Amino acid sequence: MLFGSFFVRDIPGDLALALDAAGRHQQAVDMLYAMAIRKWDGRFPEVELIALNEMNHIIGKNKGSVNVSSIPASLQYSVASDIRVVMDWDSDNCDIDLWVTDPSSEKCYYGHRFTGFGGRLSSDLTGGYGPEEYMQKKAPKGTFNVQANYYGDRQQRLAGPTTIQVTVYRNYGMPNEQKKSTTVRLNGKAQVVDLATIVVN
């Protein structure tokens, strides 16, 4: 369910980022705002907060060309962050957790969502397609390790093994933003998978 996902699903967030990539920034912002204020099923906790981050990211990149008069000022903010990691997957009814371990060896995961360095992980999604999001506004120097803890599918999948996509942003929401996406296919068994290494100099 990742906004910007390579998985083909009828998800408003995916469509919103496709619109943004096509230059239709106003439509993308309007769609993400609608996502942010709607009531979501309990299987998707904090999806509205991720939608707000995506919305404000687009607004920040297109200042002056997007009409935000209908969006309350309290929902508009800077998303500038040294690191942002977003993970999603292509199968329903499976539980995958995003883990990010910072240079002090402190692991940010569903049971420890806020770190001493200011890292924050979104609420745990135990069903659906994700997304799960990690943000670090001011990153300390050193190495961050990104992993997925996969508990296995709850049901046999006719479509084959689950595939994870992780997108790592450096300098998110800044002029020098960088983005890299990686996909990993799982083997159906419980496992911990290394997804990315982020080095902050």
N, C-alpha and C. Protein backbone atom coordinates (compact mmCIF):
# COMPACT_ATOMS: atom_id res chain seq x y z
N MET A 1 0.81 -1.20 0.00
CA MET A 1 0.00 0.00 0.00
C MET A 1 0.85 1.26 0.00
N LEU A 2 2.13 1.13 -0.14
CA LEU A 2 3.01 2.28 -0.09
C LEU A 2 2.62 3.33 -1.11
N PHE A 3 2.65 4.58 -0.69
CA PHE A 3 2.40 5.68 -1.60
C PHE A 3 3.63 5.80 -2.48
N GLY A 4 3.48 5.57 -3.78
CA GLY A 4 4.60 5.52 -4.68
C GLY A 4 5.04 4.10 -4.92
N SER A 5 4.23 3.15 -4.55
CA SER A 5 4.58 1.75 -4.65
C SER A 5 4.65 1.27 -6.09
N PHE A 6 5.47 0.23 -6.31
CA PHE A 6 5.49 -0.41 -7.62
C PHE A 6 4.42 -1.48 -7.72
N PHE A 7 3.73 -1.77 -6.62
CA PHE A 7 2.68 -2.77 -6.64
C PHE A 7 1.42 -2.16 -7.23
N VAL A 8 0.74 -2.90 -8.07
CA VAL A 8 -0.45 -2.37 -8.74
C VAL A 8 -1.68 -2.73 -7.92
N ARG A 9 -2.25 -1.72 -7.26
CA ARG A 9 -3.44 -1.93 -6.45
C ARG A 9 -4.28 -0.67 -6.53
N ASP A 10 -5.53 -0.77 -6.19
CA ASP A 10 -6.43 0.38 -6.24
C ASP A 10 -6.33 1.12 -4.91
N ILE A 11 -5.20 1.78 -4.69
CA ILE A 11 -4.93 2.49 -3.45
C ILE A 11 -4.81 3.98 -3.75
N PRO A 12 -5.60 4.84 -3.07
CA PRO A 12 -5.56 6.27 -3.37
C PRO A 12 -4.16 6.88 -3.25
N GLY A 13 -3.38 6.44 -2.26
CA GLY A 13 -2.04 6.99 -2.09
C GLY A 13 -1.14 6.71 -3.27
N ASP A 14 -1.26 5.52 -3.83
CA ASP A 14 -0.46 5.19 -5.01
C ASP A 14 -0.84 6.10 -6.18
N LEU A 15 -2.13 6.30 -6.37
CA LEU A 15 -2.60 7.16 -7.45
C LEU A 15 -2.15 8.59 -7.24
N ALA A 16 -2.19 9.06 -5.99
CA ALA A 16 -1.80 10.43 -5.69
C ALA A 16 -0.35 10.68 -6.09
N LEU A 17 0.54 9.74 -5.78
CA LEU A 17 1.94 9.94 -6.14
C LEU A 17 2.18 9.77 -7.63
N ALA A 18 1.37 8.96 -8.27
CA ALA A 18 1.44 8.86 -9.72
C ALA A 18 1.04 10.19 -10.36
N LEU A 19 0.01 10.83 -9.81
CA LEU A 19 -0.41 12.14 -10.29
C LEU A 19 0.70 13.17 -10.08
N ASP A 20 1.33 13.12 -8.92
CA ASP A 20 2.42 14.05 -8.64
C ASP A 20 3.56 13.86 -9.63
N ALA A 21 3.92 12.59 -9.90
CA ALA A 21 5.01 12.31 -10.84
C ALA A 21 4.67 12.80 -12.24
N ALA A 22 3.37 12.84 -12.56
CA ALA A 22 2.92 13.31 -13.87
C ALA A 22 2.78 14.83 -13.93
N GLY A 23 3.12 15.50 -12.84
CA GLY A 23 3.03 16.95 -12.82
C GLY A 23 1.69 17.49 -12.38
N ARG A 24 0.79 16.62 -11.97
CA ARG A 24 -0.55 17.05 -11.55
C ARG A 24 -0.56 17.19 -10.03
N HIS A 25 0.22 18.15 -9.57
CA HIS A 25 0.48 18.30 -8.13
C HIS A 25 -0.77 18.66 -7.33
N GLN A 26 -1.62 19.52 -7.90
CA GLN A 26 -2.82 19.92 -7.18
C GLN A 26 -3.73 18.73 -6.91
N GLN A 27 -3.94 17.90 -7.91
CA GLN A 27 -4.78 16.72 -7.73
C GLN A 27 -4.18 15.77 -6.71
N ALA A 28 -2.86 15.64 -6.73
CA ALA A 28 -2.19 14.76 -5.78
C ALA A 28 -2.38 15.26 -4.35
N VAL A 29 -2.22 16.55 -4.14
CA VAL A 29 -2.39 17.14 -2.81
C VAL A 29 -3.83 16.98 -2.34
N ASP A 30 -4.78 17.25 -3.22
CA ASP A 30 -6.19 17.13 -2.85
C ASP A 30 -6.54 15.69 -2.45
N MET A 31 -5.99 14.73 -3.18
CA MET A 31 -6.28 13.33 -2.89
C MET A 31 -5.66 12.89 -1.56
N LEU A 32 -4.43 13.32 -1.31
CA LEU A 32 -3.78 12.96 -0.05
C LEU A 32 -4.45 13.63 1.14
N TYR A 33 -4.92 14.85 0.95
CA TYR A 33 -5.66 15.52 2.03
C TYR A 33 -6.95 14.76 2.34
N ALA A 34 -7.65 14.32 1.30
CA ALA A 34 -8.87 13.53 1.51
C ALA A 34 -8.55 12.24 2.27
N MET A 35 -7.41 11.62 1.96
CA MET A 35 -6.99 10.42 2.69
C MET A 35 -6.72 10.73 4.15
N ALA A 36 -6.12 11.88 4.40
CA ALA A 36 -5.71 12.24 5.75
C ALA A 36 -6.89 12.49 6.68
N ILE A 37 -8.02 12.94 6.13
CA ILE A 37 -9.14 13.30 6.99
C ILE A 37 -10.24 12.23 7.02
N ARG A 38 -10.08 11.16 6.24
CA ARG A 38 -11.10 10.11 6.25
C ARG A 38 -10.87 9.16 7.41
N LYS A 39 -11.89 8.40 7.76
CA LYS A 39 -11.77 7.41 8.82
C LYS A 39 -11.34 6.08 8.21
N TRP A 40 -10.22 5.54 8.71
CA TRP A 40 -9.65 4.32 8.16
C TRP A 40 -10.00 3.10 9.01
N ASP A 41 -10.03 1.98 8.36
CA ASP A 41 -10.19 0.70 9.05
C ASP A 41 -9.05 0.53 10.06
N GLY A 42 -9.34 -0.15 11.17
CA GLY A 42 -8.35 -0.34 12.21
C GLY A 42 -7.12 -1.11 11.79
N ARG A 43 -7.19 -1.79 10.64
CA ARG A 43 -6.01 -2.51 10.15
C ARG A 43 -4.93 -1.57 9.64
N PHE A 44 -5.27 -0.29 9.46
CA PHE A 44 -4.33 0.66 8.86
C PHE A 44 -4.08 1.85 9.80
N PRO A 45 -3.51 1.61 10.99
CA PRO A 45 -3.27 2.70 11.92
C PRO A 45 -2.23 3.69 11.38
N GLU A 46 -2.52 4.95 11.55
CA GLU A 46 -1.62 6.05 11.19
C GLU A 46 -1.39 6.21 9.69
N VAL A 47 -2.19 5.56 8.87
CA VAL A 47 -2.08 5.79 7.43
C VAL A 47 -2.32 7.27 7.12
N GLU A 48 -3.21 7.89 7.88
CA GLU A 48 -3.50 9.30 7.64
C GLU A 48 -2.28 10.18 7.90
N LEU A 49 -1.42 9.79 8.85
CA LEU A 49 -0.22 10.58 9.13
C LEU A 49 0.80 10.45 8.00
N ILE A 50 0.90 9.26 7.43
CA ILE A 50 1.79 9.07 6.29
C ILE A 50 1.28 9.85 5.09
N ALA A 51 -0.04 9.88 4.91
CA ALA A 51 -0.63 10.67 3.84
C ALA A 51 -0.32 12.16 4.02
N LEU A 52 -0.37 12.64 5.26
CA LEU A 52 -0.04 14.04 5.53
C LEU A 52 1.42 14.32 5.20
N ASN A 53 2.31 13.39 5.54
CA ASN A 53 3.72 13.58 5.20
C ASN A 53 3.90 13.69 3.69
N GLU A 54 3.24 12.80 2.95
CA GLU A 54 3.35 12.84 1.49
C GLU A 54 2.76 14.14 0.94
N MET A 55 1.61 14.55 1.49
CA MET A 55 0.97 15.78 1.05
C MET A 55 1.89 16.99 1.26
N ASN A 56 2.45 17.09 2.46
CA ASN A 56 3.31 18.23 2.76
C ASN A 56 4.62 18.18 1.99
N HIS A 57 5.05 16.99 1.65
CA HIS A 57 6.24 16.85 0.80
C HIS A 57 5.98 17.47 -0.57
N ILE A 58 4.83 17.18 -1.14
CA ILE A 58 4.48 17.74 -2.45
C ILE A 58 4.29 19.25 -2.36
N ILE A 59 3.62 19.71 -1.30
CA ILE A 59 3.42 21.15 -1.12
C ILE A 59 4.77 21.86 -1.02
N GLY A 60 5.68 21.27 -0.25
CA GLY A 60 6.99 21.90 -0.08
C GLY A 60 7.78 22.00 -1.37
N LYS A 61 7.62 21.01 -2.25
CA LYS A 61 8.35 21.02 -3.53
C LYS A 61 7.73 21.96 -4.55
N ASN A 62 6.48 22.36 -4.31
CA ASN A 62 5.75 23.14 -5.31
C ASN A 62 5.11 24.38 -4.69
N LYS A 63 5.85 25.04 -3.83
CA LYS A 63 5.33 26.23 -3.17
C LYS A 63 4.93 27.28 -4.19
N GLY A 64 3.74 27.84 -3.97
CA GLY A 64 3.24 28.88 -4.85
C GLY A 64 2.43 28.37 -6.02
N SER A 65 2.58 27.08 -6.34
CA SER A 65 1.84 26.54 -7.49
C SER A 65 0.73 25.59 -7.07
N VAL A 66 0.59 25.37 -5.76
CA VAL A 66 -0.45 24.49 -5.24
C VAL A 66 -1.35 25.29 -4.32
N ASN A 67 -2.65 25.21 -4.52
CA ASN A 67 -3.62 25.91 -3.68
C ASN A 67 -3.89 25.10 -2.43
N VAL A 68 -3.53 25.65 -1.27
CA VAL A 68 -3.71 24.94 0.00
C VAL A 68 -4.71 25.65 0.90
N SER A 69 -5.52 26.54 0.32
CA SER A 69 -6.43 27.35 1.13
C SER A 69 -7.47 26.50 1.87
N SER A 70 -7.79 25.32 1.34
CA SER A 70 -8.79 24.47 1.99
C SER A 70 -8.20 23.57 3.06
N ILE A 71 -6.88 23.59 3.22
CA ILE A 71 -6.20 22.72 4.18
C ILE A 71 -5.87 23.52 5.43
N PRO A 72 -6.34 23.11 6.60
CA PRO A 72 -6.05 23.86 7.83
C PRO A 72 -4.55 24.04 8.04
N ALA A 73 -4.18 25.20 8.53
CA ALA A 73 -2.76 25.48 8.76
C ALA A 73 -2.13 24.48 9.73
N SER A 74 -2.95 23.93 10.63
CA SER A 74 -2.43 22.98 11.61
C SER A 74 -1.97 21.66 10.97
N LEU A 75 -2.40 21.42 9.73
CA LEU A 75 -2.02 20.19 9.02
C LEU A 75 -0.91 20.44 8.01
N GLN A 76 -0.40 21.67 7.97
CA GLN A 76 0.69 21.99 7.06
C GLN A 76 1.97 22.19 7.87
N TYR A 77 3.02 21.48 7.48
CA TYR A 77 4.27 21.53 8.23
C TYR A 77 5.42 21.09 7.34
N SER A 78 6.63 21.38 7.80
CA SER A 78 7.81 20.95 7.08
C SER A 78 8.09 19.47 7.37
N VAL A 79 8.38 18.71 6.33
CA VAL A 79 8.70 17.29 6.51
C VAL A 79 10.21 17.07 6.44
N ALA A 80 10.99 18.13 6.38
CA ALA A 80 12.44 18.00 6.20
C ALA A 80 13.04 17.03 7.23
N SER A 81 13.70 16.01 6.75
CA SER A 81 14.29 14.98 7.59
C SER A 81 15.55 14.46 6.93
N ASP A 82 16.55 14.17 7.75
CA ASP A 82 17.79 13.62 7.20
C ASP A 82 17.55 12.24 6.59
N ILE A 83 16.67 11.45 7.24
CA ILE A 83 16.39 10.09 6.76
C ILE A 83 14.90 9.82 6.82
N ARG A 84 14.38 9.23 5.77
CA ARG A 84 13.03 8.67 5.78
C ARG A 84 13.08 7.30 5.10
N VAL A 85 12.46 6.31 5.74
CA VAL A 85 12.41 4.96 5.17
C VAL A 85 10.94 4.54 5.14
N VAL A 86 10.50 4.04 4.00
CA VAL A 86 9.13 3.55 3.87
C VAL A 86 9.17 2.13 3.29
N MET A 87 8.43 1.23 3.92
CA MET A 87 8.40 -0.16 3.47
C MET A 87 6.96 -0.60 3.23
N ASP A 88 6.74 -1.31 2.13
CA ASP A 88 5.46 -1.96 1.91
C ASP A 88 5.69 -3.31 1.26
N TRP A 89 4.60 -4.05 1.04
CA TRP A 89 4.70 -5.40 0.50
C TRP A 89 3.47 -5.69 -0.33
N ASP A 90 3.52 -6.78 -1.09
CA ASP A 90 2.50 -7.00 -2.11
C ASP A 90 1.47 -8.08 -1.77
N SER A 91 1.35 -8.45 -0.49
CA SER A 91 0.36 -9.47 -0.14
C SER A 91 -0.38 -9.08 1.13
N ASP A 92 -1.65 -9.41 1.15
CA ASP A 92 -2.49 -9.16 2.30
C ASP A 92 -2.30 -10.28 3.33
N ASN A 93 -2.73 -10.03 4.56
CA ASN A 93 -2.73 -11.06 5.60
C ASN A 93 -1.35 -11.64 5.88
N CYS A 94 -0.33 -10.79 5.87
CA CYS A 94 0.98 -11.22 6.34
C CYS A 94 1.54 -10.11 7.20
N ASP A 95 2.39 -10.48 8.14
CA ASP A 95 2.91 -9.53 9.12
C ASP A 95 4.40 -9.34 8.88
N ILE A 96 4.77 -8.11 8.54
CA ILE A 96 6.17 -7.76 8.30
C ILE A 96 6.46 -6.49 9.09
N ASP A 97 7.54 -6.50 9.85
CA ASP A 97 7.90 -5.33 10.65
C ASP A 97 9.15 -4.67 10.11
N LEU A 98 9.13 -3.36 10.08
CA LEU A 98 10.29 -2.57 9.71
C LEU A 98 11.17 -2.36 10.94
N TRP A 99 12.44 -2.65 10.81
CA TRP A 99 13.42 -2.42 11.86
C TRP A 99 14.47 -1.45 11.33
N VAL A 100 14.83 -0.45 12.13
CA VAL A 100 15.95 0.45 11.80
C VAL A 100 16.83 0.56 13.04
N THR A 101 18.09 0.19 12.89
CA THR A 101 19.05 0.25 13.99
C THR A 101 20.01 1.40 13.74
N ASP A 102 20.11 2.32 14.71
CA ASP A 102 20.91 3.52 14.50
C ASP A 102 22.36 3.31 14.93
N PRO A 103 23.22 4.33 14.78
CA PRO A 103 24.64 4.16 15.08
C PRO A 103 24.96 3.79 16.53
N SER A 104 24.04 4.04 17.45
CA SER A 104 24.26 3.66 18.85
C SER A 104 23.79 2.24 19.14
N SER A 105 23.35 1.53 18.09
CA SER A 105 22.82 0.16 18.18
C SER A 105 21.42 0.11 18.78
N GLU A 106 20.76 1.25 18.88
CA GLU A 106 19.38 1.27 19.35
C GLU A 106 18.46 0.92 18.18
N LYS A 107 17.62 -0.09 18.39
CA LYS A 107 16.73 -0.56 17.33
C LYS A 107 15.35 0.08 17.48
N CYS A 108 14.88 0.65 16.40
CA CYS A 108 13.53 1.21 16.34
C CYS A 108 12.64 0.18 15.66
N TYR A 109 11.62 -0.29 16.38
CA TYR A 109 10.72 -1.31 15.85
C TYR A 109 9.38 -1.16 16.54
N TYR A 110 8.41 -2.04 16.24
CA TYR A 110 7.05 -1.84 16.74
C TYR A 110 6.96 -1.78 18.25
N GLY A 111 7.89 -2.45 18.95
CA GLY A 111 7.87 -2.44 20.41
C GLY A 111 8.67 -1.31 21.02
N HIS A 112 9.35 -0.53 20.20
CA HIS A 112 10.19 0.58 20.65
C HIS A 112 10.22 1.60 19.52
N ARG A 113 9.16 2.41 19.42
CA ARG A 113 8.92 3.23 18.24
C ARG A 113 9.62 4.58 18.26
N PHE A 114 10.17 4.99 19.39
CA PHE A 114 10.83 6.28 19.51
C PHE A 114 12.22 6.08 20.11
N THR A 115 13.25 6.62 19.46
CA THR A 115 14.62 6.40 19.91
C THR A 115 15.21 7.64 20.56
N GLY A 116 16.32 7.43 21.23
CA GLY A 116 16.99 8.53 21.92
C GLY A 116 17.50 9.59 20.97
N PHE A 117 17.84 9.22 19.74
CA PHE A 117 18.30 10.17 18.73
C PHE A 117 17.16 10.86 18.00
N GLY A 118 15.92 10.49 18.32
CA GLY A 118 14.77 11.15 17.69
C GLY A 118 14.15 10.39 16.55
N GLY A 119 14.56 9.14 16.33
CA GLY A 119 13.93 8.32 15.31
C GLY A 119 12.50 7.97 15.70
N ARG A 120 11.63 7.88 14.71
CA ARG A 120 10.22 7.55 14.98
C ARG A 120 9.71 6.57 13.94
N LEU A 121 9.02 5.53 14.42
CA LEU A 121 8.42 4.54 13.54
C LEU A 121 6.91 4.65 13.63
N SER A 122 6.23 4.52 12.50
CA SER A 122 4.77 4.55 12.49
C SER A 122 4.22 3.31 13.19
N SER A 123 2.93 3.30 13.44
CA SER A 123 2.30 2.17 14.14
C SER A 123 2.45 0.89 13.34
N ASP A 124 2.47 -0.23 14.07
CA ASP A 124 2.64 -1.55 13.46
C ASP A 124 1.42 -1.94 12.65
N LEU A 125 1.66 -2.42 11.44
CA LEU A 125 0.60 -2.93 10.58
C LEU A 125 0.74 -4.45 10.51
N THR A 126 -0.24 -5.15 11.04
CA THR A 126 -0.16 -6.62 11.07
C THR A 126 -0.99 -7.27 9.97
N GLY A 127 -1.51 -6.48 9.09
CA GLY A 127 -2.27 -6.99 7.94
C GLY A 127 -2.20 -5.97 6.84
N GLY A 128 -2.85 -6.25 5.74
CA GLY A 128 -2.80 -5.30 4.64
C GLY A 128 -1.45 -5.32 3.95
N TYR A 129 -1.12 -4.21 3.31
CA TYR A 129 0.07 -4.13 2.47
C TYR A 129 1.09 -3.13 2.98
N GLY A 130 0.94 -2.62 4.19
CA GLY A 130 1.78 -1.54 4.65
C GLY A 130 1.05 -0.23 4.32
N PRO A 131 1.73 0.91 4.40
CA PRO A 131 3.17 1.06 4.63
C PRO A 131 3.53 1.17 6.10
N GLU A 132 4.83 0.96 6.38
CA GLU A 132 5.41 1.34 7.65
C GLU A 132 6.50 2.36 7.34
N GLU A 133 6.61 3.37 8.21
CA GLU A 133 7.47 4.52 7.91
C GLU A 133 8.36 4.84 9.11
N TYR A 134 9.63 5.08 8.83
CA TYR A 134 10.60 5.53 9.83
C TYR A 134 11.10 6.90 9.41
N MET A 135 11.17 7.83 10.37
CA MET A 135 11.71 9.15 10.07
C MET A 135 12.71 9.56 11.13
N GLN A 136 13.79 10.19 10.69
CA GLN A 136 14.84 10.72 11.57
C GLN A 136 15.16 12.12 11.09
N LYS A 137 14.66 13.12 11.82
CA LYS A 137 14.83 14.50 11.37
C LYS A 137 16.29 14.92 11.37
N LYS A 138 16.98 14.69 12.46
CA LYS A 138 18.41 15.03 12.56
C LYS A 138 19.17 13.75 12.87
N ALA A 139 19.88 13.25 11.88
CA ALA A 139 20.55 11.96 12.03
C ALA A 139 21.97 12.14 12.55
N PRO A 140 22.35 11.36 13.55
CA PRO A 140 23.73 11.40 14.02
C PRO A 140 24.65 10.72 13.00
N LYS A 141 25.92 11.02 13.08
CA LYS A 141 26.88 10.38 12.17
C LYS A 141 26.99 8.89 12.50
N GLY A 142 27.20 8.12 11.46
CA GLY A 142 27.35 6.69 11.65
C GLY A 142 26.48 5.90 10.69
N THR A 143 26.28 4.62 10.98
CA THR A 143 25.58 3.71 10.08
C THR A 143 24.22 3.31 10.63
N PHE A 144 23.21 3.41 9.79
CA PHE A 144 21.87 2.94 10.09
C PHE A 144 21.62 1.67 9.28
N ASN A 145 21.13 0.62 9.93
CA ASN A 145 20.82 -0.63 9.24
C ASN A 145 19.31 -0.81 9.18
N VAL A 146 18.80 -1.06 7.97
CA VAL A 146 17.38 -1.23 7.74
C VAL A 146 17.09 -2.70 7.46
N GLN A 147 16.14 -3.27 8.22
CA GLN A 147 15.80 -4.68 8.06
C GLN A 147 14.29 -4.86 8.09
N ALA A 148 13.85 -6.01 7.61
CA ALA A 148 12.45 -6.42 7.72
C ALA A 148 12.40 -7.72 8.50
N ASN A 149 11.52 -7.77 9.48
CA ASN A 149 11.28 -9.01 10.22
C ASN A 149 9.97 -9.59 9.70
N TYR A 150 10.09 -10.71 9.03
CA TYR A 150 8.95 -11.33 8.34
C TYR A 150 8.50 -12.56 9.13
N TYR A 151 7.21 -12.54 9.51
CA TYR A 151 6.67 -13.63 10.33
C TYR A 151 6.06 -14.75 9.50
N GLY A 152 6.00 -14.55 8.19
CA GLY A 152 5.41 -15.55 7.31
C GLY A 152 3.97 -15.21 6.97
N ASP A 153 3.51 -15.75 5.83
CA ASP A 153 2.13 -15.53 5.40
C ASP A 153 1.17 -16.31 6.29
N ARG A 154 -0.03 -15.76 6.49
CA ARG A 154 -1.06 -16.45 7.25
C ARG A 154 -1.85 -17.40 6.38
N GLN A 155 -1.64 -17.33 5.08
CA GLN A 155 -2.39 -18.19 4.17
C GLN A 155 -1.53 -18.51 2.96
N GLN A 156 -1.83 -19.60 2.31
CA GLN A 156 -1.10 -19.97 1.11
C GLN A 156 -1.39 -18.97 0.00
N ARG A 157 -0.36 -18.51 -0.67
CA ARG A 157 -0.53 -17.50 -1.72
C ARG A 157 -0.43 -18.14 -3.09
N LEU A 158 -1.50 -18.02 -3.87
CA LEU A 158 -1.47 -18.53 -5.23
C LEU A 158 -0.52 -17.71 -6.10
N ALA A 159 -0.33 -16.45 -5.73
CA ALA A 159 0.52 -15.56 -6.53
C ALA A 159 2.00 -15.77 -6.27
N GLY A 160 2.36 -16.63 -5.32
CA GLY A 160 3.76 -16.87 -5.04
C GLY A 160 4.25 -16.09 -3.83
N PRO A 161 5.57 -16.08 -3.60
CA PRO A 161 6.15 -15.46 -2.41
C PRO A 161 5.86 -13.96 -2.32
N THR A 162 5.87 -13.45 -1.11
CA THR A 162 5.69 -12.02 -0.87
C THR A 162 6.94 -11.25 -1.30
N THR A 163 6.72 -10.07 -1.86
CA THR A 163 7.82 -9.18 -2.24
C THR A 163 7.71 -7.89 -1.42
N ILE A 164 8.84 -7.46 -0.89
CA ILE A 164 8.94 -6.22 -0.12
C ILE A 164 9.57 -5.15 -0.99
N GLN A 165 9.06 -3.93 -0.86
CA GLN A 165 9.78 -2.78 -1.40
C GLN A 165 10.12 -1.83 -0.26
N VAL A 166 11.37 -1.39 -0.21
CA VAL A 166 11.78 -0.37 0.75
C VAL A 166 12.33 0.82 -0.02
N THR A 167 11.90 2.01 0.37
CA THR A 167 12.37 3.25 -0.25
C THR A 167 13.07 4.07 0.82
N VAL A 168 14.33 4.41 0.55
CA VAL A 168 15.14 5.19 1.48
C VAL A 168 15.35 6.58 0.90
N TYR A 169 14.98 7.58 1.68
CA TYR A 169 15.20 8.98 1.32
C TYR A 169 16.30 9.56 2.19
N ARG A 170 17.23 10.25 1.56
CA ARG A 170 18.19 11.08 2.28
C ARG A 170 17.82 12.53 2.02
N ASN A 171 17.89 13.35 3.07
CA ASN A 171 17.55 14.77 2.96
C ASN A 171 16.13 14.95 2.43
N TYR A 172 15.21 14.20 3.02
CA TYR A 172 13.81 14.21 2.58
C TYR A 172 13.21 15.60 2.73
N GLY A 173 12.56 16.08 1.67
CA GLY A 173 11.92 17.38 1.70
C GLY A 173 12.88 18.55 1.58
N MET A 174 14.14 18.26 1.20
CA MET A 174 15.14 19.31 1.03
C MET A 174 15.55 19.39 -0.44
N PRO A 175 16.19 20.50 -0.84
CA PRO A 175 16.58 20.64 -2.25
C PRO A 175 17.52 19.53 -2.74
N ASN A 176 18.33 18.98 -1.84
CA ASN A 176 19.28 17.93 -2.21
C ASN A 176 18.76 16.52 -1.89
N GLU A 177 17.46 16.36 -1.90
CA GLU A 177 16.85 15.05 -1.59
C GLU A 177 17.35 13.96 -2.54
N GLN A 178 17.59 12.78 -1.96
CA GLN A 178 17.95 11.59 -2.74
C GLN A 178 17.01 10.46 -2.37
N LYS A 179 16.73 9.61 -3.33
CA LYS A 179 15.77 8.52 -3.13
C LYS A 179 16.28 7.26 -3.80
N LYS A 180 16.17 6.14 -3.08
CA LYS A 180 16.57 4.85 -3.65
C LYS A 180 15.60 3.78 -3.19
N SER A 181 15.08 3.01 -4.15
CA SER A 181 14.14 1.93 -3.84
C SER A 181 14.77 0.58 -4.14
N THR A 182 14.46 -0.39 -3.26
CA THR A 182 14.97 -1.75 -3.41
C THR A 182 13.83 -2.73 -3.21
N THR A 183 13.81 -3.80 -4.00
CA THR A 183 12.81 -4.84 -3.81
C THR A 183 13.49 -6.15 -3.42
N VAL A 184 12.83 -6.89 -2.54
CA VAL A 184 13.34 -8.18 -2.07
C VAL A 184 12.20 -9.18 -2.09
N ARG A 185 12.42 -10.32 -2.70
CA ARG A 185 11.41 -11.39 -2.70
C ARG A 185 11.72 -12.36 -1.57
N LEU A 186 10.69 -12.66 -0.76
CA LEU A 186 10.84 -13.55 0.38
C LEU A 186 10.57 -15.00 -0.04
N ASN A 187 10.95 -15.92 0.82
CA ASN A 187 10.79 -17.33 0.47
C ASN A 187 9.61 -18.00 1.16
N GLY A 188 8.78 -17.19 1.85
CA GLY A 188 7.60 -17.74 2.49
C GLY A 188 7.81 -18.18 3.93
N LYS A 189 9.09 -18.25 4.34
CA LYS A 189 9.41 -18.67 5.70
C LYS A 189 9.74 -17.45 6.56
N ALA A 190 9.52 -17.56 7.86
CA ALA A 190 9.88 -16.49 8.78
C ALA A 190 11.37 -16.20 8.66
N GLN A 191 11.70 -14.91 8.60
CA GLN A 191 13.11 -14.55 8.41
C GLN A 191 13.31 -13.06 8.70
N VAL A 192 14.56 -12.69 8.96
CA VAL A 192 14.96 -11.29 9.05
C VAL A 192 15.78 -10.98 7.82
N VAL A 193 15.40 -9.94 7.11
CA VAL A 193 16.01 -9.62 5.82
C VAL A 193 16.70 -8.26 5.90
N ASP A 194 17.94 -8.20 5.46
CA ASP A 194 18.66 -6.92 5.35
C ASP A 194 18.17 -6.19 4.11
N LEU A 195 17.76 -4.94 4.29
CA LEU A 195 17.18 -4.18 3.19
C LEU A 195 18.08 -3.04 2.70
N ALA A 196 18.72 -2.35 3.63
CA ALA A 196 19.53 -1.19 3.23
C ALA A 196 20.48 -0.80 4.35
N THR A 197 21.55 -0.15 3.96
CA THR A 197 22.50 0.45 4.90
C THR A 197 22.62 1.93 4.56
N ILE A 198 22.48 2.77 5.57
CA ILE A 198 22.55 4.22 5.38
C ILE A 198 23.73 4.74 6.19
N VAL A 199 24.66 5.40 5.52
CA VAL A 199 25.84 5.95 6.19
C VAL A 199 25.73 7.46 6.21
N VAL A 200 25.77 8.02 7.42
CA VAL A 200 25.71 9.48 7.59
C VAL A 200 27.10 9.96 7.99
N ASN A 201 27.67 10.81 7.18
CA ASN A 201 29.03 11.32 7.43
C ASN A 201 29.01 12.65 8.16
